Protein backbone atom coordinates (compact mmCIF):
# COMPACT_ATOMS: atom_id res chain seq x y z
CA MET A 1 -4.67 -17.58 -22.57
CA VAL A 2 -5.96 -15.92 -19.41
CA VAL A 3 -3.67 -15.47 -16.41
CA VAL A 4 -5.30 -15.00 -13.03
CA ARG A 5 -3.26 -13.64 -10.14
CA ALA A 6 -4.52 -14.52 -6.69
CA PHE A 7 -4.03 -12.08 -3.83
CA THR A 8 -4.20 -13.38 -0.30
CA GLN A 9 -4.50 -11.34 2.86
CA ILE A 10 -1.64 -11.91 5.32
CA PRO A 11 -2.44 -12.33 9.04
CA SER A 12 -2.97 -9.19 11.11
CA ARG A 13 0.43 -7.67 11.91
CA PRO A 14 2.01 -4.42 10.84
CA PRO A 15 3.70 -4.54 7.45
CA GLU A 16 7.48 -4.45 7.31
CA GLN A 17 9.75 -2.68 4.86
CA TYR A 18 9.50 -3.95 1.26
CA GLU A 19 6.26 -5.85 1.89
CA ARG A 20 3.32 -5.45 -0.48
CA VAL A 21 0.23 -3.64 0.80
CA GLU A 22 -3.15 -2.52 -0.51
CA LEU A 23 -4.93 0.76 0.18
CA LEU A 24 -8.31 0.28 1.84
CA ARG A 25 -9.41 3.85 0.98
CA ALA A 26 -8.09 6.46 -1.41
CA ALA A 27 -4.99 8.41 -0.32
CA GLU A 28 -3.68 11.75 -1.53
CA THR A 29 -0.12 12.53 -2.59
CA ARG A 30 1.65 15.74 -1.54
CA ARG A 31 0.98 17.06 -5.04
CA GLY A 32 -2.76 16.56 -4.64
CA LYS A 33 -3.19 13.48 -6.83
CA THR A 34 -5.44 10.72 -5.52
CA VAL A 35 -4.29 7.10 -5.38
CA PRO A 36 -7.53 5.08 -5.40
CA GLY A 37 -8.51 2.51 -2.80
CA GLY A 38 -7.51 -0.98 -3.89
CA SER A 39 -4.17 0.21 -5.29
CA ARG A 40 -1.22 -1.98 -4.37
CA GLY A 41 2.21 -0.70 -3.44
CA THR A 42 5.41 -1.48 -1.55
CA VAL A 43 6.33 -0.21 1.93
CA VAL A 44 9.58 1.72 1.59
CA GLU A 45 9.71 3.27 5.07
CA ILE A 46 8.10 2.63 8.46
CA LEU A 47 7.12 5.78 10.39
CA GLY A 48 6.90 5.84 14.18
CA ASP A 49 6.04 2.52 15.81
CA HIS A 50 4.32 1.18 12.66
CA GLU A 51 1.75 4.01 12.94
CA ALA A 52 2.18 5.09 9.32
CA PHE A 53 4.11 4.00 6.25
CA MET A 54 5.70 5.54 3.20
CA VAL A 55 4.35 3.46 0.33
CA GLU A 56 5.54 3.50 -3.28
CA PHE A 57 2.88 2.96 -5.94
CA GLN A 58 3.45 2.32 -9.64
CA GLN A 59 -0.21 2.19 -10.73
CA PRO A 60 -2.28 4.11 -11.71
CA PHE A 61 0.75 6.45 -11.68
CA ALA A 62 4.10 6.51 -9.89
CA ALA A 63 3.72 8.04 -6.43
CA LEU A 64 5.18 8.01 -2.95
CA VAL A 65 2.46 8.40 -0.31
CA THR A 66 2.42 8.53 3.49
CA VAL A 67 -0.37 6.18 4.58
CA ASP A 68 -1.85 5.63 8.05
CA ALA A 69 -1.66 2.01 9.25
CA SER A 70 -5.46 1.81 9.45
CA ASN A 71 -5.68 2.40 5.68
CA LEU A 72 -3.51 -0.58 4.68
CA ARG A 73 -3.65 -4.33 4.55
CA HIS A 74 -0.99 -6.84 3.57
CA VAL A 75 -1.26 -8.67 0.30
CA ARG A 76 0.76 -11.52 -1.08
CA GLU A 77 0.98 -11.78 -4.85
């Protein structure tokens, strides 16, 4: 049995806390690890006026990364 999960882009608005997002380009953690573009995570904190976000990732490894708004898009799983 094959299970296919569809991801849909949500209309253009800044993500809110606890919403799912996807990295458009790779992002680096404070420890120097790279979370690859296409990785999906959850917004855990909004910085400034939605200018950047603290995003928690579980794959490919657990990480908390500060990501500029221009490097994210909403996804709905």
